C-alpha atoms as a PDB file:
ATOM      1  CA  UNK A   1      -0.029   0.026  -0.071  1.00  0.00           C
ATOM      2  CA  UNK A   2       1.415   3.436  -0.968  1.00  0.00           C
ATOM      3  CA  UNK A   3       2.035   5.720   2.013  1.00  0.00           C
ATOM      4  CA  UNK A   4      -0.661   8.260   0.958  1.00  0.00           C
ATOM      5  CA  UNK A   5      -3.206   5.520   0.991  1.00  0.00           C
ATOM      6  CA  UNK A   6      -2.324   4.476   4.335  1.00  0.00           C
ATOM      7  CA  UNK A   7      -2.510   8.091   5.524  1.00  0.00           C
ATOM      8  CA  UNK A   8      -5.989   8.480   3.782  1.00  0.00           C
ATOM      9  CA  UNK A   9      -7.098   5.406   5.508  1.00  0.00           C
ATOM     10  CA  UNK A  10      -6.427   6.938   8.883  1.00  0.00           C
ATOM     11  CA  UNK A  11      -7.921  10.294   7.856  1.00  0.00           C
ATOM     12  CA  UNK A  12     -11.136   8.385   6.969  1.00  0.00           C
ATOM     13  CA  UNK A  13     -11.268   6.915  10.341  1.00  0.00           C
ATOM     14  CA  UNK A  14     -10.683  10.279  12.062  1.00  0.00           C
ATOM     15  CA  UNK A  15     -12.904  12.093   9.843  1.00  0.00           C
ATOM     16  CA  UNK A  16     -12.480  15.434  11.655  1.00  0.00           C
ATOM     17  CA  UNK A  17     -14.079  18.730  11.017  1.00  0.00           C
ATOM     18  CA  UNK A  18     -11.427  21.030   9.347  1.00  0.00           C
ATOM     19  CA  UNK A  19     -11.890  24.797   8.731  1.00  0.00           C
ATOM     20  CA  UNK A  20     -10.648  26.305   5.381  1.00  0.00           C
ATOM     21  CA  UNK A  21     -10.551  30.080   5.915  1.00  0.00           C
ATOM     22  CA  UNK A  22      -9.436  30.633   2.349  1.00  0.00           C
ATOM     23  CA  UNK A  23     -12.672  29.330   0.718  1.00  0.00           C
ATOM     24  CA  UNK A  24     -12.926  32.217  -1.417  1.00  0.00           C
ATOM     25  CA  UNK A  25     -10.186  30.625  -3.541  1.00  0.00           C
ATOM     26  CA  UNK A  26     -11.272  28.095  -6.369  1.00  0.00           C
ATOM     27  CA  UNK A  27      -8.317  26.068  -5.641  1.00  0.00           C
ATOM     28  CA  UNK A  28      -9.415  25.657  -2.112  1.00  0.00           C
ATOM     29  CA  UNK A  29     -12.988  24.737  -3.014  1.00  0.00           C
ATOM     30  CA  UNK A  30     -11.554  22.082  -5.521  1.00  0.00           C
ATOM     31  CA  UNK A  31      -9.445  20.594  -2.653  1.00  0.00           C
ATOM     32  CA  UNK A  32     -12.260  20.473  -0.204  1.00  0.00           C
ATOM     33  CA  UNK A  33     -14.654  18.943  -2.864  1.00  0.00           C
ATOM     34  CA  UNK A  34     -12.029  16.079  -3.343  1.00  0.00           C
ATOM     35  CA  UNK A  35     -11.684  15.764   0.259  1.00  0.00           C
ATOM     36  CA  UNK A  36     -15.360  15.047   0.560  1.00  0.00           C
ATOM     37  CA  UNK A  37     -15.224  12.573  -2.232  1.00  0.00           C
ATOM     38  CA  UNK A  38     -12.489  10.654  -0.492  1.00  0.00           C
ATOM     39  CA  UNK A  39     -14.074  10.825   2.884  1.00  0.00           C
ATOM     40  CA  UNK A  40     -11.073  12.548   4.276  1.00  0.00           C
ATOM     41  CA  UNK A  41     -12.775  15.151   6.545  1.00  0.00           C
ATOM     42  CA  UNK A  42     -15.770  17.293   6.886  1.00  0.00           C
ATOM     43  CA  UNK A  43     -14.728  20.567   5.257  1.00  0.00           C
ATOM     44  CA  UNK A  44     -16.044  24.023   6.849  1.00  0.00           C
ATOM     45  CA  UNK A  45     -15.644  26.618   4.317  1.00  0.00           C
ATOM     46  CA  UNK A  46     -15.137  29.874   5.878  1.00  0.00           C
ATOM     47  CA  UNK A  47     -15.653  33.380   4.167  1.00  0.00           C
ATOM     48  CA  UNK A  48     -18.565  35.343   2.581  1.00  0.00           C
ATOM     49  CA  UNK A  49     -21.233  32.761   1.952  1.00  0.00           C
ATOM     50  CA  UNK A  50     -22.611  34.449  -1.193  1.00  0.00           C
ATOM     51  CA  UNK A  51     -19.089  34.754  -2.556  1.00  0.00           C
ATOM     52  CA  UNK A  52     -18.309  31.066  -1.970  1.00  0.00           C
ATOM     53  CA  UNK A  53     -21.663  29.965  -3.406  1.00  0.00           C
ATOM     54  CA  UNK A  54     -21.146  32.055  -6.544  1.00  0.00           C
ATOM     55  CA  UNK A  55     -17.535  30.925  -7.000  1.00  0.00           C
ATOM     56  CA  UNK A  56     -18.537  27.224  -6.540  1.00  0.00           C
ATOM     57  CA  UNK A  57     -21.357  27.673  -9.231  1.00  0.00           C
ATOM     58  CA  UNK A  58     -19.062  29.399 -11.722  1.00  0.00           C
ATOM     59  CA  UNK A  59     -16.605  26.636 -11.455  1.00  0.00           C
ATOM     60  CA  UNK A  60     -19.246  23.814 -11.408  1.00  0.00           C
ATOM     61  CA  UNK A  61     -18.117  22.843  -7.786  1.00  0.00           C
ATOM     62  CA  UNK A  62     -20.785  21.178  -5.706  1.00  0.00           C
ATOM     63  CA  UNK A  63     -20.836  22.300  -2.018  1.00  0.00           C
ATOM     64  CA  UNK A  64     -22.857  19.182  -0.868  1.00  0.00           C
ATOM     65  CA  UNK A  65     -21.717  17.784   2.418  1.00  0.00           C
ATOM     66  CA  UNK A  66     -19.794  20.778   3.256  1.00  0.00           C
ATOM     67  CA  UNK A  67     -20.584  23.467   6.050  1.00  0.00           C
ATOM     68  CA  UNK A  68     -20.357  26.999   5.401  1.00  0.00           C
ATOM     69  CA  UNK A  69     -19.303  29.487   8.083  1.00  0.00           C
ATOM     70  CA  UNK A  70     -19.407  33.252   7.685  1.00  0.00           C
ATOM     71  CA  UNK A  71     -17.046  35.417   9.880  1.00  0.00           C
ATOM     72  CA  UNK A  72     -19.698  38.129  10.392  1.00  0.00           C
ATOM     73  CA  UNK A  73     -19.685  40.790  12.988  1.00  0.00           C
ATOM     74  CA  UNK A  74     -22.030  39.083  15.502  1.00  0.00           C
ATOM     75  CA  UNK A  75     -19.691  35.868  15.375  1.00  0.00           C
ATOM     76  CA  UNK A  76     -16.533  37.999  15.831  1.00  0.00           C
ATOM     77  CA  UNK A  77     -18.109  39.736  18.713  1.00  0.00           C
ATOM     78  CA  UNK A  78     -19.188  36.712  20.436  1.00  0.00           C
ATOM     79  CA  UNK A  79     -15.634  35.016  20.022  1.00  0.00           C
ATOM     80  CA  UNK A  80     -13.824  38.188  20.959  1.00  0.00           C
ATOM     81  CA  UNK A  81     -15.923  38.458  24.381  1.00  0.00           C
ATOM     82  CA  UNK A  82     -15.574  34.715  25.205  1.00  0.00           C
ATOM     83  CA  UNK A  83     -11.766  34.656  24.422  1.00  0.00           C
ATOM     84  CA  UNK A  84     -11.062  37.757  26.340  1.00  0.00           C
ATOM     85  CA  UNK A  85     -13.017  36.638  29.342  1.00  0.00           C
ATOM     86  CA  UNK A  86     -10.705  33.363  29.526  1.00  0.00           C
ATOM     87  CA  UNK A  87      -7.395  34.928  28.598  1.00  0.00           C
ATOM     88  CA  UNK A  88      -5.929  37.458  31.065  1.00  0.00           C
ATOM     89  CA  UNK A  89      -4.423  40.359  29.459  1.00  0.00           C
ATOM     90  CA  UNK A  90      -6.053  39.967  26.178  1.00  0.00           C
ATOM     91  CA  UNK A  91      -8.992  42.417  25.461  1.00  0.00           C
ATOM     92  CA  UNK A  92     -11.948  42.143  23.084  1.00  0.00           C
ATOM     93  CA  UNK A  93     -10.418  45.077  21.078  1.00  0.00           C
ATOM     94  CA  UNK A  94      -7.244  43.039  20.562  1.00  0.00           C
ATOM     95  CA  UNK A  95      -9.209  39.943  19.304  1.00  0.00           C
ATOM     96  CA  UNK A  96     -11.521  41.961  17.026  1.00  0.00           C
ATOM     97  CA  UNK A  97      -8.522  43.595  15.402  1.00  0.00           C
ATOM     98  CA  UNK A  98      -7.190  40.038  14.622  1.00  0.00           C
ATOM     99  CA  UNK A  99     -10.539  38.964  13.385  1.00  0.00           C
ATOM    100  CA  UNK A 100     -10.467  41.169  10.500  1.00  0.00           C
ATOM    101  CA  UNK A 101      -8.784  38.239   8.716  1.00  0.00           C
ATOM    102  CA  UNK A 102     -10.977  34.924   8.486  1.00  0.00           C
ATOM    103  CA  UNK A 103      -7.839  33.088   9.361  1.00  0.00           C
ATOM    104  CA  UNK A 104      -7.795  34.124  13.058  1.00  0.00           C
ATOM    105  CA  UNK A 105     -11.603  33.758  13.274  1.00  0.00           C
ATOM    106  CA  UNK A 106     -11.005  30.055  12.118  1.00  0.00           C
ATOM    107  CA  UNK A 107      -8.258  29.517  14.690  1.00  0.00           C
ATOM    108  CA  UNK A 108     -10.625  30.860  17.429  1.00  0.00           C
ATOM    109  CA  UNK A 109     -13.379  28.553  16.248  1.00  0.00           C
ATOM    110  CA  UNK A 110     -10.951  25.565  16.706  1.00  0.00           C
ATOM    111  CA  UNK A 111     -10.093  26.896  20.205  1.00  0.00           C
ATOM    112  CA  UNK A 112     -13.691  26.760  21.082  1.00  0.00           C
ATOM    113  CA  UNK A 113     -14.164  23.164  19.896  1.00  0.00           C
ATOM    114  CA  UNK A 114     -16.297  24.011  16.791  1.00  0.00           C
ATOM    115  CA  UNK A 115     -13.761  22.268  14.573  1.00  0.00           C
ATOM    116  CA  UNK A 116     -10.856  19.842  15.074  1.00  0.00           C
ATOM    117  CA  UNK A 117      -8.399  21.898  12.905  1.00  0.00           C
ATOM    118  CA  UNK A 118      -7.812  24.452  10.419  1.00  0.00           C
ATOM    119  CA  UNK A 119      -5.673  24.493   7.183  1.00  0.00           C
ATOM    120  CA  UNK A 120      -4.413  27.563   5.557  1.00  0.00           C
ATOM    121  CA  UNK A 121      -1.497  29.154   3.713  1.00  0.00           C
ATOM    122  CA  UNK A 122      -2.655  29.236   0.111  1.00  0.00           C
ATOM    123  CA  UNK A 123      -3.353  32.936   0.463  1.00  0.00           C
ATOM    124  CA  UNK A 124      -1.823  33.644   3.929  1.00  0.00           C
ATOM    125  CA  UNK A 125       1.876  33.366   4.749  1.00  0.00           C
ATOM    126  CA  UNK A 126       3.395  30.659   6.977  1.00  0.00           C
ATOM    127  CA  UNK A 127       4.026  33.460   9.600  1.00  0.00           C
ATOM    128  CA  UNK A 128       0.507  34.262   9.488  1.00  0.00           C
ATOM    129  CA  UNK A 129      -0.712  30.751  10.100  1.00  0.00           C
ATOM    130  CA  UNK A 130       1.731  30.307  12.971  1.00  0.00           C
ATOM    131  CA  UNK A 131       0.615  33.562  14.480  1.00  0.00           C
ATOM    132  CA  UNK A 132      -3.026  32.508  14.385  1.00  0.00           C
ATOM    133  CA  UNK A 133      -2.376  29.134  15.956  1.00  0.00           C
ATOM    134  CA  UNK A 134      -0.096  30.503  18.592  1.00  0.00           C
ATOM    135  CA  UNK A 135      -2.643  33.166  19.640  1.00  0.00           C
ATOM    136  CA  UNK A 136      -5.778  31.166  19.719  1.00  0.00           C
ATOM    137  CA  UNK A 137      -4.799  27.453  19.988  1.00  0.00           C
ATOM    138  CA  UNK A 138      -1.554  27.554  21.929  1.00  0.00           C
ATOM    139  CA  UNK A 139       1.409  25.024  22.265  1.00  0.00           C
ATOM    140  CA  UNK A 140       1.413  21.476  23.204  1.00  0.00           C
ATOM    141  CA  UNK A 141       1.911  20.771  26.813  1.00  0.00           C
ATOM    142  CA  UNK A 142       5.700  20.890  27.702  1.00  0.00           C
ATOM    143  CA  UNK A 143       6.566  22.239  24.384  1.00  0.00           C
ATOM    144  CA  UNK A 144       7.917  25.754  23.520  1.00  0.00           C
ATOM    145  CA  UNK A 145       8.995  25.211  19.724  1.00  0.00           C
ATOM    146  CA  UNK A 146       7.096  25.499  16.565  1.00  0.00           C
ATOM    147  CA  UNK A 147       8.536  23.426  13.881  1.00  0.00           C
ATOM    148  CA  UNK A 148       7.407  21.432  10.892  1.00  0.00           C
ATOM    149  CA  UNK A 149       8.088  18.320   8.916  1.00  0.00           C
ATOM    150  CA  UNK A 150       7.676  17.063   5.197  1.00  0.00           C
ATOM    151  CA  UNK A 151       7.196  13.526   4.225  1.00  0.00           C
ATOM    152  CA  UNK A 152       9.311  13.014   1.053  1.00  0.00           C
ATOM    153  CA  UNK A 153       8.850  10.199  -1.393  1.00  0.00           C
ATOM    154  CA  UNK A 154      12.105   9.979  -3.549  1.00  0.00           C
ATOM    155  CA  UNK A 155      11.731   7.798  -6.600  1.00  0.00           C
ATOM    156  CA  UNK A 156      14.395   5.096  -6.764  1.00  0.00           C
ATOM    157  CA  UNK A 157      15.569   5.850  -3.203  1.00  0.00           C
ATOM    158  CA  UNK A 158      15.996   2.603  -1.264  1.00  0.00           C
ATOM    159  CA  UNK A 159      15.876   3.652   2.348  1.00  0.00           C
ATOM    160  CA  UNK A 160      14.697   1.729   5.442  1.00  0.00           C
ATOM    161  CA  UNK A 161      11.121   2.904   4.710  1.00  0.00           C
ATOM    162  CA  UNK A 162      11.480   2.345   0.865  1.00  0.00           C
ATOM    163  CA  UNK A 163      11.256   5.593  -0.905  1.00  0.00           C
ATOM    164  CA  UNK A 164       9.756   7.507   1.959  1.00  0.00           C
ATOM    165  CA  UNK A 165      11.755   9.690   4.587  1.00  0.00           C
ATOM    166  CA  UNK A 166      10.865  12.625   6.877  1.00  0.00           C
ATOM    167  CA  UNK A 167      12.608  15.925   6.517  1.00  0.00           C
ATOM    168  CA  UNK A 168      12.590  18.247   9.493  1.00  0.00           C
ATOM    169  CA  UNK A 169      12.620  21.258   9.832  1.00  0.00           C
ATOM    170  CA  UNK A 170      12.526  22.775   6.426  1.00  0.00           C
ATOM    171  CA  UNK A 171       9.991  25.701   6.756  1.00  0.00           C
ATOM    172  CA  UNK A 172       9.988  27.309  10.314  1.00  0.00           C
ATOM    173  CA  UNK A 173      13.006  27.594  12.546  1.00  0.00           C
ATOM    174  CA  UNK A 174      15.661  29.703  10.892  1.00  0.00           C
ATOM    175  CA  UNK A 175      18.570  28.942  13.176  1.00  0.00           C
ATOM    176  CA  UNK A 176      17.301  26.615  15.964  1.00  0.00           C
ATOM    177  CA  UNK A 177      19.232  26.246  19.140  1.00  0.00           C
ATOM    178  CA  UNK A 178      20.466  22.906  20.421  1.00  0.00           C
ATOM    179  CA  UNK A 179      17.333  22.948  22.696  1.00  0.00           C
ATOM    180  CA  UNK A 180      15.056  23.588  19.701  1.00  0.00           C
ATOM    181  CA  UNK A 181      16.810  20.985  17.650  1.00  0.00           C
ATOM    182  CA  UNK A 182      15.984  18.479  20.402  1.00  0.00           C
ATOM    183  CA  UNK A 183      12.357  19.440  20.298  1.00  0.00           C
ATOM    184  CA  UNK A 184      12.195  19.426  16.451  1.00  0.00           C
ATOM    185  CA  UNK A 185      13.341  15.818  16.445  1.00  0.00           C
ATOM    186  CA  UNK A 186      10.788  14.849  19.113  1.00  0.00           C
ATOM    187  CA  UNK A 187       7.979  16.465  17.416  1.00  0.00           C
ATOM    188  CA  UNK A 188       8.739  14.705  14.147  1.00  0.00           C
ATOM    189  CA  UNK A 189       9.474  11.422  15.819  1.00  0.00           C
ATOM    190  CA  UNK A 190       5.984  11.576  17.604  1.00  0.00           C
ATOM    191  CA  UNK A 191       4.234  12.465  14.363  1.00  0.00           C
ATOM    192  CA  UNK A 192       5.993   9.635  12.423  1.00  0.00           C
ATOM    193  CA  UNK A 193       4.807   7.071  14.990  1.00  0.00           C
ATOM    194  CA  UNK A 194       1.256   8.294  14.950  1.00  0.00           C
ATOM    195  CA  UNK A 195       0.847   9.021  11.369  1.00  0.00           C
ATOM    196  CA  UNK A 196       2.869   6.124   9.861  1.00  0.00           C
ATOM    197  CA  UNK A 197       3.166   3.656  12.568  1.00  0.00           C
ATOM    198  CA  UNK A 198       6.898   3.818  12.004  1.00  0.00           C
ATOM    199  CA  UNK A 199       9.545   3.118  14.697  1.00  0.00           C
ATOM    200  CA  UNK A 200      11.405   6.479  14.546  1.00  0.00           C
ATOM    201  CA  UNK A 201      15.113   6.465  13.803  1.00  0.00           C
ATOM    202  CA  UNK A 202      16.294  10.043  13.911  1.00  0.00           C
ATOM    203  CA  UNK A 203      19.563  11.190  12.415  1.00  0.00           C
ATOM    204  CA  UNK A 204      20.958  14.653  13.341  1.00  0.00           C
ATOM    205  CA  UNK A 205      22.661  15.933  10.302  1.00  0.00           C
ATOM    206  CA  UNK A 206      25.752  18.043   9.893  1.00  0.00           C
ATOM    207  CA  UNK A 207      28.815  18.420   7.495  1.00  0.00           C
ATOM    208  CA  UNK A 208      30.646  16.324  10.150  1.00  0.00           C
ATOM    209  CA  UNK A 209      30.395  12.695  11.016  1.00  0.00           C
ATOM    210  CA  UNK A 210      31.111  11.906  14.675  1.00  0.00           C
ATOM    211  CA  UNK A 211      33.674  14.487  15.131  1.00  0.00           C
ATOM    212  CA  UNK A 212      35.323  14.641  11.681  1.00  0.00           C
ATOM    213  CA  UNK A 213      34.743  18.447  11.559  1.00  0.00           C
ATOM    214  CA  UNK A 214      35.055  20.854  14.571  1.00  0.00           C
ATOM    215  CA  UNK A 215      32.936  24.174  14.754  1.00  0.00           C
ATOM    216  CA  UNK A 216      30.216  25.855  16.789  1.00  0.00           C
ATOM    217  CA  UNK A 217      27.865  24.456  14.168  1.00  0.00           C
ATOM    218  CA  UNK A 218      28.908  20.825  14.997  1.00  0.00           C
ATOM    219  CA  UNK A 219      28.643  21.530  18.632  1.00  0.00           C
ATOM    220  CA  UNK A 220      25.228  22.548  18.369  1.00  0.00           C
ATOM    221  CA  UNK A 221      24.120  19.560  16.655  1.00  0.00           C
ATOM    222  CA  UNK A 222      25.917  17.173  19.224  1.00  0.00           C
ATOM    223  CA  UNK A 223      24.231  19.177  21.942  1.00  0.00           C
ATOM    224  CA  UNK A 224      20.875  18.915  20.411  1.00  0.00           C
ATOM    225  CA  UNK A 225      21.164  15.114  20.191  1.00  0.00           C
ATOM    226  CA  UNK A 226      22.310  14.922  23.785  1.00  0.00           C
ATOM    227  CA  UNK A 227      19.429  16.985  24.984  1.00  0.00           C
ATOM    228  CA  UNK A 228      16.910  14.646  23.084  1.00  0.00           C
ATOM    229  CA  UNK A 229      18.292  11.523  24.573  1.00  0.00           C
ATOM    230  CA  UNK A 230      17.778  13.067  28.022  1.00  0.00           C
ATOM    231  CA  UNK A 231      14.212  14.184  27.323  1.00  0.00           C
ATOM    232  CA  UNK A 232      13.272  11.101  25.298  1.00  0.00           C
ATOM    233  CA  UNK A 233      15.654   8.212  25.832  1.00  0.00           C
ATOM    234  CA  UNK A 234      13.140   5.645  24.242  1.00  0.00           C
ATOM    235  CA  UNK A 235      13.483   7.289  20.753  1.00  0.00           C
ATOM    236  CA  UNK A 236      16.332   5.861  18.648  1.00  0.00           C
ATOM    237  CA  UNK A 237      18.555   8.803  17.680  1.00  0.00           C
ATOM    238  CA  UNK A 238      22.142   9.397  16.673  1.00  0.00           C
ATOM    239  CA  UNK A 239      24.537  11.685  14.993  1.00  0.00           C
ATOM    240  CA  UNK A 240      26.102  14.060  14.149  1.00  0.00           C
ATOM    241  CA  UNK A 241      26.010  12.471  10.641  1.00  0.00           C
ATOM    242  CA  UNK A 242      26.674  13.638   7.278  1.00  0.00           C
ATOM    243  CA  UNK A 243      23.706  12.797   4.975  1.00  0.00           C
ATOM    244  CA  UNK A 244      24.934   9.723   3.305  1.00  0.00           C
ATOM    245  CA  UNK A 245      25.869   8.198   6.597  1.00  0.00           C
ATOM    246  CA  UNK A 246      22.437   8.741   7.826  1.00  0.00           C
ATOM    247  CA  UNK A 247      20.694   7.158   4.930  1.00  0.00           C
ATOM    248  CA  UNK A 248      23.239   4.765   3.223  1.00  0.00           C
ATOM    249  CA  UNK A 249      24.092   1.438   5.099  1.00  0.00           C
ATOM    250  CA  UNK A 250      27.261   1.238   2.979  1.00  0.00           C
ATOM    251  CA  UNK A 251      28.478   4.742   3.753  1.00  0.00           C
ATOM    252  CA  UNK A 252      27.570   4.157   7.506  1.00  0.00           C
ATOM    253  CA  UNK A 253      29.634   0.928   7.374  1.00  0.00           C
ATOM    254  CA  UNK A 254      32.499   2.738   5.826  1.00  0.00           C
ATOM    255  CA  UNK A 255      32.674   5.607   8.027  1.00  0.00           C
ATOM    256  CA  UNK A 256      31.629   4.158  11.365  1.00  0.00           C
ATOM    257  CA  UNK A 257      33.270   1.245  13.348  1.00  0.00           C
ATOM    258  CA  UNK A 258      30.014   0.517  14.972  1.00  0.00           C
ATOM    259  CA  UNK A 259      26.973   1.991  12.989  1.00  0.00           C
ATOM    260  CA  UNK A 260      24.371   1.323  15.574  1.00  0.00           C
ATOM    261  CA  UNK A 261      20.579   1.345  14.896  1.00  0.00           C
ATOM    262  CA  UNK A 262      20.153   4.659  13.164  1.00  0.00           C
ATOM    263  CA  UNK A 263      23.153   5.185  10.934  1.00  0.00           C
ATOM    264  CA  UNK A 264      22.347   4.035   7.350  1.00  0.00           C
ATOM    265  CA  UNK A 265      18.732   3.342   8.512  1.00  0.00           C
ATOM    266  CA  UNK A 266      17.479   6.638   9.623  1.00  0.00           C
ATOM    267  CA  UNK A 267      13.900   7.438   8.649  1.00  0.00           C
ATOM    268  CA  UNK A 268      13.833  10.955  10.038  1.00  0.00           C
ATOM    269  CA  UNK A 269      16.660  13.414   9.198  1.00  0.00           C
ATOM    270  CA  UNK A 270      17.064  16.587  11.339  1.00  0.00           C
ATOM    271  CA  UNK A 271      18.614  19.537   9.539  1.00  0.00           C
ATOM    272  CA  UNK A 272      20.860  21.900  11.577  1.00  0.00           C
ATOM    273  CA  UNK A 273      19.177  25.028  10.204  1.00  0.00           C
ATOM    274  CA  UNK A 274      16.710  26.389   7.658  1.00  0.00           C
ATOM    275  CA  UNK A 275      19.347  27.077   4.986  1.00  0.00           C
ATOM    276  CA  UNK A 276      20.199  23.412   4.897  1.00  0.00           C
ATOM    277  CA  UNK A 277      16.678  21.984   5.260  1.00  0.00           C
ATOM    278  CA  UNK A 278      14.917  24.357   2.862  1.00  0.00           C
ATOM    279  CA  UNK A 279      17.675  23.959   0.204  1.00  0.00           C
ATOM    280  CA  UNK A 280      17.905  20.174   0.364  1.00  0.00           C
ATOM    281  CA  UNK A 281      14.046  19.639   0.028  1.00  0.00           C
ATOM    282  CA  UNK A 282      13.935  21.779  -2.949  1.00  0.00           C
ATOM    283  CA  UNK A 283      16.991  20.166  -4.595  1.00  0.00           C
ATOM    284  CA  UNK A 284      15.718  16.677  -4.058  1.00  0.00           C
ATOM    285  CA  UNK A 285      12.147  17.629  -5.448  1.00  0.00           C
ATOM    286  CA  UNK A 286      13.823  19.463  -8.490  1.00  0.00           C
ATOM    287  CA  UNK A 287      16.391  16.920  -9.331  1.00  0.00           C
ATOM    288  CA  UNK A 288      14.699  13.580  -8.513  1.00  0.00           C
ATOM    289  CA  UNK A 289      10.993  14.788  -8.842  1.00  0.00           C
ATOM    290  CA  UNK A 290      10.336  13.631  -5.455  1.00  0.00           C
ATOM    291  CA  UNK A 291       6.763  14.084  -3.980  1.00  0.00           C
ATOM    292  CA  UNK A 292       6.248  15.866  -0.741  1.00  0.00           C
ATOM    293  CA  UNK A 293       3.417  16.159   1.752  1.00  0.00           C
ATOM    294  CA  UNK A 294       3.762  19.322   3.978  1.00  0.00           C
ATOM    295  CA  UNK A 295       4.821  21.289   5.638  1.00  0.00           C
ATOM    296  CA  UNK A 296       2.766  20.143   8.455  1.00  0.00           C
ATOM    297  CA  UNK A 297       3.278  22.324  11.466  1.00  0.00           C
ATOM    298  CA  UNK A 298       4.315  20.784  14.722  1.00  0.00           C
ATOM    299  CA  UNK A 299       4.250  21.864  18.266  1.00  0.00           C
ATOM    300  CA  UNK A 300       0.750  23.190  18.678  1.00  0.00           C
ATOM    301  CA  UNK A 301      -1.986  21.676  20.922  1.00  0.00           C
ATOM    302  CA  UNK A 302      -3.650  20.292  17.801  1.00  0.00           C
ATOM    303  CA  UNK A 303      -2.286  19.410  14.379  1.00  0.00           C
ATOM    304  CA  UNK A 304      -2.442  22.273  11.815  1.00  0.00           C
ATOM    305  CA  UNK A 305      -0.753  22.790   8.481  1.00  0.00           C
ATOM    306  CA  UNK A 306       0.379  25.386   6.098  1.00  0.00           C
ATOM    307  CA  UNK A 307      -0.369  24.960   2.484  1.00  0.00           C
ATOM    308  CA  UNK A 308       1.868  25.387  -0.492  1.00  0.00           C
ATOM    309  CA  UNK A 309       0.766  28.094  -2.980  1.00  0.00           C
ATOM    310  CA  UNK A 310       2.333  26.283  -5.840  1.00  0.00           C
ATOM    311  CA  UNK A 311       1.077  22.727  -4.818  1.00  0.00           C
ATOM    312  CA  UNK A 312      -0.961  20.510  -6.956  1.00  0.00           C
ATOM    313  CA  UNK A 313      -4.282  19.236  -6.056  1.00  0.00           C
ATOM    314  CA  UNK A 314      -2.829  16.040  -5.128  1.00  0.00           C
ATOM    315  CA  UNK A 315      -0.135  17.800  -2.984  1.00  0.00           C
ATOM    316  CA  UNK A 316      -2.798  19.881  -1.070  1.00  0.00           C
ATOM    317  CA  UNK A 317      -5.035  16.848  -0.622  1.00  0.00           C
ATOM    318  CA  UNK A 318      -1.957  15.117   0.932  1.00  0.00           C
ATOM    319  CA  UNK A 319      -1.531  17.761   3.485  1.00  0.00           C
ATOM    320  CA  UNK A 320      -5.318  17.677   4.317  1.00  0.00           C
ATOM    321  CA  UNK A 321      -5.099  13.814   4.706  1.00  0.00           C
ATOM    322  CA  UNK A 322      -2.210  14.120   6.859  1.00  0.00           C
ATOM    323  CA  UNK A 323      -3.762  16.752   9.225  1.00  0.00           C
ATOM    324  CA  UNK A 324      -6.941  14.825   9.319  1.00  0.00           C
ATOM    325  CA  UNK A 325      -5.115  11.545  10.215  1.00  0.00           C
ATOM    326  CA  UNK A 326      -3.223  13.328  13.027  1.00  0.00           C
ATOM    327  CA  UNK A 327      -6.545  14.643  14.529  1.00  0.00           C
ATOM    328  CA  UNK A 328      -7.366  10.942  15.113  1.00  0.00           C
ATOM    329  CA  UNK A 329      -7.343   9.591  18.662  1.00  0.00           C
ATOM    330  CA  UNK A 330      -4.209   7.769  19.937  1.00  0.00           C
END
């Protein structure tokens, strides 16, 4: 079974309510329609209802089995009053200022339990999505880091999970500290276990392998691994590794006297910074025509995701399915 089929199967079992606050975009209506057809979630289309209905009619898109939610003044006032009442230091005026954008209304609706998640990023920036989630949803217990992961399928790659491997973080943390690197790795490992039923094997990447290079950049990666092992010793993790040592059994055997359980068999690779992560994922997609799901944002109380503005319908649906699957109960 292809990995997307496994993810969609989990999404159908969870079948969450997901708000799409960019529903006045044709591409989002198309994605929501296909999500209904595949039974991935119950879409809630947020926007001016007349505009959404007109746009759907113009493009021959059925809105059957979808909910429509208009962020009108009455709804905004209600949310603002309720949120301010339960949030010390946050006023109704502050909330109403945010509610000028449907994205923030959607996040608040999730906060109040009217939906299980929201997905945005086709019109809004990644920063907008993170700000909305940070403000109205909040971080997972014990976590202080917002990160992301991409599930990458590389044609012809023969890794421990076949053609599939998780890249993290390639979208959010510009120059993570060692503490943040540890949290990035933990978040991706937990997502992989829940979403894919993998036994996570996490490799911390560097230009150095086990002390072959010396610099502050290497020290940060080594310290990140050490912090992760203290926080979550049950997760298999190792490093610092060069990329080929992490993913190639033959390279691991040549460069390491004792490869261990991760070297050459990693299914999650942790990049030391955003320069490395973002450049690598784009190179892999360009040169090998790899497929990618994500970025899926991690670290929040609930799973949410950013959308790619240039993504195909299948790419966007993969993101919807992933978020829906992660909404399922343990």
